[in-house]
Amino acid sequence: MSRMITGLLLYGALGWLVGQWLGSSSVGVAVGSVIGLVVAMYASYLKVAAMDDGPLAVDEPGSPVSWSQRMTRVRVREARQSNGG
């Protein structure tokens, strides 16, 4: 979630700056925000996809792992790494 908020704020601010430079700050904010969300979602996808062998990894034959299960695993793995274990 923080990745989404950061992408939205960072690219929204960059869009605002470009919009000020071009004379239309509202369009810049809108375009920057959309780009930020897309980049943040893609970064999240890459992080989760790198966790397993591929984007459609399965726990048991025929049962796909849900997005929330993968994100939970990523968070658990990060917590273990940050705690040294």
N, C-alpha and C. Protein backbone atom coordinates (compact mmCIF):
# COMPACT_ATOMS: atom_id res chain seq x y z
N MET A 1 0.82 -1.20 0.00
CA MET A 1 0.00 0.00 0.00
C MET A 1 0.86 1.25 0.00
N SER A 2 1.95 1.23 0.74
CA SER A 2 2.81 2.41 0.79
C SER A 2 3.44 2.67 -0.57
N ARG A 3 3.66 1.61 -1.34
CA ARG A 3 4.21 1.77 -2.69
C ARG A 3 3.23 2.57 -3.57
N MET A 4 1.95 2.29 -3.43
CA MET A 4 0.93 2.99 -4.20
C MET A 4 0.86 4.47 -3.81
N ILE A 5 0.86 4.72 -2.52
CA ILE A 5 0.78 6.10 -2.04
C ILE A 5 2.01 6.89 -2.46
N THR A 6 3.18 6.26 -2.33
CA THR A 6 4.41 6.93 -2.72
C THR A 6 4.42 7.23 -4.21
N GLY A 7 4.01 6.26 -5.03
CA GLY A 7 3.95 6.49 -6.48
C GLY A 7 2.99 7.61 -6.84
N LEU A 8 1.83 7.60 -6.19
CA LEU A 8 0.84 8.63 -6.45
C LEU A 8 1.36 10.01 -6.08
N LEU A 9 1.95 10.13 -4.89
CA LEU A 9 2.44 11.43 -4.44
C LEU A 9 3.66 11.90 -5.23
N LEU A 10 4.60 11.00 -5.46
CA LEU A 10 5.83 11.39 -6.16
C LEU A 10 5.54 11.80 -7.60
N TYR A 11 4.86 10.95 -8.33
CA TYR A 11 4.59 11.27 -9.73
C TYR A 11 3.53 12.36 -9.87
N GLY A 12 2.62 12.45 -8.91
CA GLY A 12 1.67 13.56 -8.91
C GLY A 12 2.38 14.90 -8.75
N ALA A 13 3.37 14.94 -7.84
CA ALA A 13 4.15 16.16 -7.65
C ALA A 13 4.99 16.49 -8.88
N LEU A 14 5.60 15.45 -9.46
CA LEU A 14 6.35 15.69 -10.70
C LEU A 14 5.44 16.17 -11.82
N GLY A 15 4.25 15.60 -11.90
CA GLY A 15 3.28 16.04 -12.89
C GLY A 15 2.85 17.48 -12.67
N TRP A 16 2.70 17.85 -11.40
CA TRP A 16 2.34 19.24 -11.08
C TRP A 16 3.45 20.19 -11.53
N LEU A 17 4.70 19.82 -11.26
CA LEU A 17 5.82 20.66 -11.68
C LEU A 17 5.87 20.80 -13.20
N VAL A 18 5.71 19.70 -13.91
CA VAL A 18 5.70 19.76 -15.38
C VAL A 18 4.51 20.57 -15.85
N GLY A 19 3.37 20.39 -15.19
CA GLY A 19 2.18 21.16 -15.55
C GLY A 19 2.37 22.65 -15.33
N GLN A 20 3.03 23.02 -14.25
CA GLN A 20 3.32 24.44 -14.01
C GLN A 20 4.22 24.99 -15.12
N TRP A 21 5.17 24.20 -15.52
CA TRP A 21 6.11 24.61 -16.57
C TRP A 21 5.39 24.76 -17.91
N LEU A 22 4.42 23.86 -18.18
CA LEU A 22 3.69 23.90 -19.44
C LEU A 22 2.43 24.77 -19.38
N GLY A 23 2.04 25.18 -18.19
CA GLY A 23 0.89 26.07 -18.04
C GLY A 23 -0.43 25.39 -17.72
N SER A 24 -0.42 24.11 -17.37
CA SER A 24 -1.66 23.42 -17.03
C SER A 24 -1.38 22.43 -15.91
N SER A 25 -1.37 22.93 -14.67
CA SER A 25 -0.98 22.08 -13.54
C SER A 25 -1.98 20.96 -13.26
N SER A 26 -3.27 21.18 -13.51
CA SER A 26 -4.25 20.14 -13.21
C SER A 26 -4.08 18.93 -14.13
N VAL A 27 -3.78 19.17 -15.38
CA VAL A 27 -3.54 18.06 -16.31
C VAL A 27 -2.26 17.33 -15.92
N GLY A 28 -1.24 18.08 -15.53
CA GLY A 28 0.01 17.47 -15.10
C GLY A 28 -0.17 16.58 -13.88
N VAL A 29 -0.94 17.04 -12.92
CA VAL A 29 -1.20 16.24 -11.71
C VAL A 29 -1.95 14.97 -12.08
N ALA A 30 -2.96 15.08 -12.93
CA ALA A 30 -3.75 13.91 -13.32
C ALA A 30 -2.88 12.89 -14.05
N VAL A 31 -2.12 13.34 -15.03
CA VAL A 31 -1.27 12.43 -15.80
C VAL A 31 -0.19 11.83 -14.90
N GLY A 32 0.44 12.66 -14.09
CA GLY A 32 1.47 12.17 -13.18
C GLY A 32 0.95 11.16 -12.18
N SER A 33 -0.25 11.39 -11.66
CA SER A 33 -0.85 10.46 -10.71
C SER A 33 -1.15 9.11 -11.34
N VAL A 34 -1.70 9.14 -12.55
CA VAL A 34 -1.99 7.88 -13.24
C VAL A 34 -0.69 7.12 -13.52
N ILE A 35 0.31 7.82 -14.01
CA ILE A 35 1.60 7.17 -14.27
C ILE A 35 2.18 6.61 -12.98
N GLY A 36 2.09 7.36 -11.89
CA GLY A 36 2.59 6.90 -10.60
C GLY A 36 1.91 5.64 -10.12
N LEU A 37 0.60 5.57 -10.26
CA LEU A 37 -0.12 4.37 -9.84
C LEU A 37 0.24 3.17 -10.70
N VAL A 38 0.37 3.38 -12.01
CA VAL A 38 0.74 2.29 -12.90
C VAL A 38 2.14 1.78 -12.57
N VAL A 39 3.07 2.68 -12.38
CA VAL A 39 4.44 2.28 -12.04
C VAL A 39 4.47 1.55 -10.69
N ALA A 40 3.72 2.03 -9.71
CA ALA A 40 3.69 1.38 -8.40
C ALA A 40 3.07 -0.02 -8.47
N MET A 41 2.00 -0.17 -9.24
CA MET A 41 1.39 -1.49 -9.38
C MET A 41 2.32 -2.45 -10.10
N TYR A 42 3.02 -1.96 -11.12
CA TYR A 42 3.97 -2.80 -11.83
C TYR A 42 5.13 -3.22 -10.92
N ALA A 43 5.62 -2.29 -10.11
CA ALA A 43 6.70 -2.62 -9.18
C ALA A 43 6.24 -3.66 -8.16
N SER A 44 5.01 -3.54 -7.69
CA SER A 44 4.46 -4.53 -6.76
C SER A 44 4.33 -5.89 -7.43
N TYR A 45 3.87 -5.89 -8.66
CA TYR A 45 3.73 -7.14 -9.41
C TYR A 45 5.10 -7.81 -9.57
N LEU A 46 6.11 -7.03 -9.95
CA LEU A 46 7.45 -7.60 -10.12
C LEU A 46 7.98 -8.19 -8.83
N LYS A 47 7.73 -7.52 -7.72
CA LYS A 47 8.20 -8.02 -6.43
C LYS A 47 7.54 -9.35 -6.09
N VAL A 48 6.25 -9.45 -6.31
CA VAL A 48 5.52 -10.68 -6.00
C VAL A 48 5.89 -11.78 -6.99
N ALA A 49 6.03 -11.45 -8.26
CA ALA A 49 6.38 -12.46 -9.26
C ALA A 49 7.78 -13.01 -9.02
N ALA A 50 8.69 -12.19 -8.52
CA ALA A 50 10.06 -12.65 -8.26
C ALA A 50 10.11 -13.57 -7.05
N MET A 51 9.09 -13.53 -6.23
CA MET A 51 9.06 -14.35 -5.02
C MET A 51 8.94 -15.84 -5.36
N ASP A 52 8.19 -16.15 -6.41
CA ASP A 52 7.96 -17.54 -6.81
C ASP A 52 8.65 -17.80 -8.15
N ASP A 53 8.38 -18.97 -8.69
CA ASP A 53 8.98 -19.34 -9.97
C ASP A 53 8.36 -18.60 -11.14
N GLY A 54 7.19 -18.04 -10.98
CA GLY A 54 6.53 -17.34 -12.06
C GLY A 54 5.27 -16.68 -11.60
N PRO A 55 4.62 -15.93 -12.50
CA PRO A 55 3.42 -15.21 -12.12
C PRO A 55 2.22 -16.09 -11.79
N LEU A 56 2.23 -17.36 -12.22
CA LEU A 56 1.09 -18.25 -11.97
C LEU A 56 1.52 -19.47 -11.16
N ALA A 57 2.35 -19.25 -10.18
CA ALA A 57 2.82 -20.37 -9.35
C ALA A 57 1.65 -20.98 -8.58
N VAL A 58 1.77 -22.25 -8.25
CA VAL A 58 0.69 -22.94 -7.54
C VAL A 58 1.24 -23.59 -6.28
N ASP A 59 0.40 -23.68 -5.26
CA ASP A 59 0.77 -24.41 -4.05
C ASP A 59 0.56 -25.90 -4.27
N GLU A 60 -0.59 -26.24 -4.76
CA GLU A 60 -0.93 -27.62 -5.06
C GLU A 60 -1.31 -27.66 -6.53
N PRO A 61 -1.19 -28.79 -7.16
CA PRO A 61 -1.55 -28.86 -8.58
C PRO A 61 -2.97 -28.35 -8.82
N GLY A 62 -3.09 -27.37 -9.69
CA GLY A 62 -4.39 -26.85 -10.06
C GLY A 62 -4.96 -25.77 -9.17
N SER A 63 -4.24 -25.37 -8.09
CA SER A 63 -4.78 -24.33 -7.22
C SER A 63 -3.85 -23.10 -7.26
N PRO A 64 -4.24 -22.08 -8.00
CA PRO A 64 -3.40 -20.89 -8.10
C PRO A 64 -3.30 -20.15 -6.76
N VAL A 65 -2.17 -19.53 -6.54
CA VAL A 65 -1.95 -18.75 -5.32
C VAL A 65 -2.54 -17.37 -5.56
N SER A 66 -3.34 -16.90 -4.62
CA SER A 66 -3.97 -15.59 -4.78
C SER A 66 -2.97 -14.47 -4.53
N TRP A 67 -3.32 -13.29 -5.02
CA TRP A 67 -2.48 -12.10 -4.86
C TRP A 67 -2.24 -11.81 -3.37
N SER A 68 -3.29 -11.91 -2.56
CA SER A 68 -3.14 -11.61 -1.14
C SER A 68 -2.24 -12.63 -0.45
N GLN A 69 -2.31 -13.89 -0.86
CA GLN A 69 -1.42 -14.90 -0.29
C GLN A 69 0.03 -14.58 -0.62
N ARG A 70 0.28 -14.18 -1.85
CA ARG A 70 1.65 -13.84 -2.25
C ARG A 70 2.15 -12.63 -1.48
N MET A 71 1.32 -11.61 -1.35
CA MET A 71 1.74 -10.41 -0.63
C MET A 71 2.02 -10.73 0.84
N THR A 72 1.21 -11.60 1.42
CA THR A 72 1.45 -12.01 2.81
C THR A 72 2.80 -12.71 2.91
N ARG A 73 3.10 -13.57 1.96
CA ARG A 73 4.39 -14.26 1.97
C ARG A 73 5.55 -13.29 1.82
N VAL A 74 5.38 -12.28 0.97
CA VAL A 74 6.43 -11.28 0.78
C VAL A 74 6.66 -10.54 2.09
N ARG A 75 5.59 -10.14 2.76
CA ARG A 75 5.73 -9.41 4.02
C ARG A 75 6.39 -10.28 5.10
N VAL A 76 6.01 -11.54 5.16
CA VAL A 76 6.61 -12.45 6.14
C VAL A 76 8.09 -12.62 5.84
N ARG A 77 8.44 -12.82 4.58
CA ARG A 77 9.84 -12.98 4.20
C ARG A 77 10.64 -11.73 4.53
N GLU A 78 10.09 -10.54 4.24
CA GLU A 78 10.79 -9.30 4.55
C GLU A 78 10.96 -9.13 6.06
N ALA A 79 9.95 -9.50 6.83
CA ALA A 79 10.04 -9.38 8.29
C ALA A 79 11.12 -10.30 8.83
N ARG A 80 11.19 -11.52 8.30
CA ARG A 80 12.22 -12.45 8.74
C ARG A 80 13.61 -11.95 8.39
N GLN A 81 13.75 -11.37 7.20
CA GLN A 81 15.06 -10.85 6.78
C GLN A 81 15.47 -9.66 7.63
N SER A 82 14.52 -8.80 7.94
CA SER A 82 14.87 -7.61 8.73
C SER A 82 15.18 -7.97 10.18
N ASN A 83 14.62 -9.09 10.65
CA ASN A 83 14.90 -9.53 12.03
C ASN A 83 16.10 -10.45 12.10
N GLY A 84 16.74 -10.68 10.97
CA GLY A 84 17.93 -11.51 10.98
C GLY A 84 17.67 -12.99 11.04
N GLY A 85 16.48 -13.40 10.69
CA GLY A 85 16.20 -14.85 10.79
C GLY A 85 15.34 -15.28 9.75
